Amino acid sequence: MNKILKATALPNGRLHVALQDGRYGEFDVKPFMKTDFFAKLKDESYFQQVRLFFSGVGWPDGQDIGPDTVASHLTITTLS
């Protein structure tokens, strides 16, 4: 299992993440926002509150996405 080391909110429902295996890239959260559970992430100020949650990412009201999901949908921007 890969671990997310850093996550930064970007505009338009995207995250810039750094993975333990050295990959960096963007993860598009918008497809997940179509469900009721993630709908609150459409609020840009709430989306900006992303934080590391265990090995993945999460938000204050309990929405979370695991590291394997992020890694499998990652658009690589830089390789270390």
N, C-alpha and C. Protein backbone atom coordinates (compact mmCIF):
# COMPACT_ATOMS: atom_id res chain seq x y z
N MET A 1 0.84 -1.18 0.00
CA MET A 1 0.00 0.00 0.00
C MET A 1 0.88 1.24 0.00
N ASN A 2 0.56 2.16 -0.88
CA ASN A 2 1.24 3.44 -0.95
C ASN A 2 0.68 4.35 0.12
N LYS A 3 1.46 5.30 0.57
CA LYS A 3 1.03 6.26 1.58
C LYS A 3 1.13 7.66 0.99
N ILE A 4 0.13 8.48 1.26
CA ILE A 4 0.19 9.87 0.84
C ILE A 4 0.97 10.65 1.89
N LEU A 5 1.99 11.35 1.44
CA LEU A 5 2.83 12.12 2.36
C LEU A 5 2.42 13.58 2.44
N LYS A 6 1.80 14.09 1.37
CA LYS A 6 1.39 15.49 1.34
C LYS A 6 0.22 15.63 0.39
N ALA A 7 -0.74 16.47 0.77
CA ALA A 7 -1.89 16.75 -0.09
C ALA A 7 -2.21 18.24 0.00
N THR A 8 -2.32 18.87 -1.14
CA THR A 8 -2.62 20.29 -1.22
C THR A 8 -3.81 20.47 -2.15
N ALA A 9 -4.82 21.22 -1.68
CA ALA A 9 -5.98 21.48 -2.51
C ALA A 9 -5.63 22.45 -3.62
N LEU A 10 -6.09 22.15 -4.81
CA LEU A 10 -5.95 23.00 -5.99
C LEU A 10 -7.34 23.45 -6.41
N PRO A 11 -7.43 24.45 -7.29
CA PRO A 11 -8.75 24.85 -7.78
C PRO A 11 -9.44 23.74 -8.56
N ASN A 12 -10.75 23.87 -8.66
CA ASN A 12 -11.55 23.00 -9.51
C ASN A 12 -11.56 21.53 -9.06
N GLY A 13 -11.59 21.30 -7.74
CA GLY A 13 -11.76 19.95 -7.22
C GLY A 13 -10.60 19.00 -7.41
N ARG A 14 -9.40 19.54 -7.46
CA ARG A 14 -8.22 18.69 -7.65
C ARG A 14 -7.30 18.80 -6.43
N LEU A 15 -6.52 17.76 -6.22
CA LEU A 15 -5.50 17.75 -5.17
C LEU A 15 -4.14 17.51 -5.81
N HIS A 16 -3.13 18.17 -5.28
CA HIS A 16 -1.75 17.82 -5.64
C HIS A 16 -1.25 16.96 -4.50
N VAL A 17 -0.78 15.77 -4.83
CA VAL A 17 -0.36 14.83 -3.79
C VAL A 17 1.06 14.33 -4.04
N ALA A 18 1.72 13.98 -2.95
CA ALA A 18 3.03 13.34 -2.99
C ALA A 18 2.86 11.97 -2.34
N LEU A 19 3.28 10.94 -3.07
CA LEU A 19 3.17 9.57 -2.57
C LEU A 19 4.50 9.09 -2.01
N GLN A 20 4.42 8.13 -1.14
CA GLN A 20 5.59 7.55 -0.49
C GLN A 20 6.57 6.95 -1.50
N ASP A 21 6.07 6.47 -2.61
CA ASP A 21 6.94 5.84 -3.60
C ASP A 21 7.67 6.85 -4.49
N GLY A 22 7.52 8.16 -4.19
CA GLY A 22 8.25 9.19 -4.92
C GLY A 22 7.47 9.85 -6.04
N ARG A 23 6.28 9.34 -6.34
CA ARG A 23 5.47 9.97 -7.38
C ARG A 23 4.74 11.19 -6.84
N TYR A 24 4.60 12.19 -7.72
CA TYR A 24 3.84 13.40 -7.43
C TYR A 24 2.84 13.57 -8.55
N GLY A 25 1.69 14.12 -8.23
CA GLY A 25 0.74 14.35 -9.30
C GLY A 25 -0.55 14.96 -8.81
N GLU A 26 -1.51 15.01 -9.73
CA GLU A 26 -2.82 15.57 -9.42
C GLU A 26 -3.86 14.46 -9.39
N PHE A 27 -4.74 14.60 -8.43
CA PHE A 27 -5.85 13.67 -8.26
C PHE A 27 -7.14 14.47 -8.39
N ASP A 28 -7.99 14.10 -9.33
CA ASP A 28 -9.25 14.78 -9.58
C ASP A 28 -10.33 14.19 -8.68
N VAL A 29 -10.83 14.99 -7.76
CA VAL A 29 -11.83 14.51 -6.81
C VAL A 29 -13.25 14.69 -7.38
N LYS A 30 -13.42 15.47 -8.43
CA LYS A 30 -14.75 15.78 -8.96
C LYS A 30 -15.62 14.55 -9.24
N PRO A 31 -15.10 13.47 -9.81
CA PRO A 31 -15.97 12.31 -10.04
C PRO A 31 -16.60 11.77 -8.74
N PHE A 32 -15.91 11.90 -7.63
CA PHE A 32 -16.43 11.43 -6.35
C PHE A 32 -17.51 12.36 -5.81
N MET A 33 -17.47 13.63 -6.19
CA MET A 33 -18.42 14.62 -5.69
C MET A 33 -19.84 14.40 -6.20
N LYS A 34 -20.02 13.46 -7.10
CA LYS A 34 -21.35 13.16 -7.64
C LYS A 34 -22.20 12.38 -6.63
N THR A 35 -21.56 11.80 -5.63
CA THR A 35 -22.29 11.05 -4.61
C THR A 35 -22.65 11.96 -3.44
N ASP A 36 -23.70 11.59 -2.73
CA ASP A 36 -24.13 12.38 -1.57
C ASP A 36 -23.03 12.50 -0.52
N PHE A 37 -22.29 11.41 -0.31
CA PHE A 37 -21.26 11.39 0.73
C PHE A 37 -20.19 12.46 0.49
N PHE A 38 -19.83 12.71 -0.76
CA PHE A 38 -18.77 13.66 -1.08
C PHE A 38 -19.29 15.01 -1.59
N ALA A 39 -20.61 15.21 -1.64
CA ALA A 39 -21.18 16.43 -2.21
C ALA A 39 -20.68 17.70 -1.54
N LYS A 40 -20.43 17.66 -0.25
CA LYS A 40 -19.96 18.85 0.47
C LYS A 40 -18.62 19.35 -0.06
N LEU A 41 -17.86 18.48 -0.71
CA LEU A 41 -16.55 18.88 -1.24
C LEU A 41 -16.68 19.86 -2.40
N LYS A 42 -17.90 20.04 -2.93
CA LYS A 42 -18.12 21.03 -3.98
C LYS A 42 -17.95 22.45 -3.45
N ASP A 43 -18.08 22.63 -2.15
CA ASP A 43 -17.85 23.93 -1.51
C ASP A 43 -16.34 24.14 -1.44
N GLU A 44 -15.85 25.10 -2.21
CA GLU A 44 -14.40 25.31 -2.35
C GLU A 44 -13.72 25.57 -1.00
N SER A 45 -14.35 26.33 -0.13
CA SER A 45 -13.72 26.62 1.17
C SER A 45 -13.62 25.35 2.03
N TYR A 46 -14.61 24.48 1.92
CA TYR A 46 -14.55 23.21 2.64
C TYR A 46 -13.51 22.29 2.00
N PHE A 47 -13.49 22.24 0.68
CA PHE A 47 -12.53 21.40 -0.03
C PHE A 47 -11.09 21.75 0.37
N GLN A 48 -10.82 23.03 0.60
CA GLN A 48 -9.49 23.50 0.98
C GLN A 48 -9.03 22.94 2.33
N GLN A 49 -9.95 22.40 3.11
CA GLN A 49 -9.62 21.87 4.44
C GLN A 49 -9.08 20.44 4.41
N VAL A 50 -8.70 19.97 3.24
CA VAL A 50 -8.17 18.61 3.11
C VAL A 50 -6.97 18.43 4.04
N ARG A 51 -6.82 17.22 4.54
CA ARG A 51 -5.69 16.90 5.42
C ARG A 51 -5.35 15.43 5.23
N LEU A 52 -4.20 15.05 5.73
CA LEU A 52 -3.84 13.64 5.69
C LEU A 52 -4.71 12.90 6.70
N PHE A 53 -5.20 11.76 6.31
CA PHE A 53 -6.07 10.96 7.16
C PHE A 53 -5.61 9.52 7.03
N PHE A 54 -5.01 9.01 8.09
CA PHE A 54 -4.32 7.73 8.06
C PHE A 54 -3.33 7.78 6.90
N SER A 55 -3.44 6.93 5.92
CA SER A 55 -2.49 6.95 4.80
C SER A 55 -3.07 7.65 3.58
N GLY A 56 -4.30 8.14 3.69
CA GLY A 56 -4.98 8.79 2.57
C GLY A 56 -5.25 10.26 2.87
N VAL A 57 -6.36 10.76 2.33
CA VAL A 57 -6.76 12.15 2.56
C VAL A 57 -8.17 12.17 3.13
N GLY A 58 -8.47 13.24 3.87
CA GLY A 58 -9.80 13.36 4.46
C GLY A 58 -10.16 14.80 4.73
N TRP A 59 -11.43 14.98 5.09
CA TRP A 59 -11.97 16.30 5.40
C TRP A 59 -12.66 16.24 6.76
N PRO A 60 -12.91 17.40 7.38
CA PRO A 60 -13.42 17.43 8.76
C PRO A 60 -14.71 16.65 9.03
N ASP A 61 -15.62 16.56 8.08
CA ASP A 61 -16.88 15.88 8.34
C ASP A 61 -16.85 14.39 8.00
N GLY A 62 -15.67 13.82 7.80
CA GLY A 62 -15.53 12.38 7.64
C GLY A 62 -15.36 11.85 6.23
N GLN A 63 -15.44 12.71 5.24
CA GLN A 63 -15.18 12.24 3.88
C GLN A 63 -13.71 11.86 3.78
N ASP A 64 -13.42 10.71 3.23
CA ASP A 64 -12.02 10.31 3.08
C ASP A 64 -11.86 9.44 1.83
N ILE A 65 -10.63 9.47 1.32
CA ILE A 65 -10.28 8.68 0.14
C ILE A 65 -8.95 7.99 0.44
N GLY A 66 -8.91 6.71 0.25
CA GLY A 66 -7.73 5.93 0.57
C GLY A 66 -6.59 6.11 -0.41
N PRO A 67 -5.39 5.78 0.02
CA PRO A 67 -4.21 5.99 -0.80
C PRO A 67 -4.19 5.16 -2.08
N ASP A 68 -4.74 3.97 -2.05
CA ASP A 68 -4.75 3.14 -3.26
C ASP A 68 -5.65 3.75 -4.34
N THR A 69 -6.77 4.31 -3.93
CA THR A 69 -7.66 4.98 -4.87
C THR A 69 -6.97 6.19 -5.49
N VAL A 70 -6.34 7.00 -4.64
CA VAL A 70 -5.62 8.18 -5.13
C VAL A 70 -4.52 7.75 -6.09
N ALA A 71 -3.72 6.78 -5.71
CA ALA A 71 -2.60 6.34 -6.54
C ALA A 71 -3.07 5.80 -7.89
N SER A 72 -4.19 5.09 -7.92
CA SER A 72 -4.65 4.50 -9.17
C SER A 72 -5.27 5.52 -10.13
N HIS A 73 -5.66 6.68 -9.63
CA HIS A 73 -6.25 7.74 -10.46
C HIS A 73 -5.32 8.95 -10.58
N LEU A 74 -4.10 8.81 -10.20
CA LEU A 74 -3.15 9.93 -10.18
C LEU A 74 -2.67 10.27 -11.60
N THR A 75 -2.67 11.55 -11.90
CA THR A 75 -2.05 12.05 -13.12
C THR A 75 -0.68 12.55 -12.72
N ILE A 76 0.34 11.85 -13.15
CA ILE A 76 1.72 12.16 -12.76
C ILE A 76 2.14 13.52 -13.34
N THR A 77 2.69 14.36 -12.46
CA THR A 77 3.22 15.65 -12.92
C THR A 77 4.74 15.70 -12.79
N THR A 78 5.29 14.93 -11.86
CA THR A 78 6.73 14.89 -11.64
C THR A 78 7.12 13.54 -11.08
N LEU A 79 8.22 13.00 -11.52
CA LEU A 79 8.77 11.80 -10.92
C LEU A 79 10.01 12.17 -10.13
N SER A 80 10.15 11.63 -8.94
CA SER A 80 11.35 11.88 -8.12
C SER A 80 12.39 10.83 -8.39
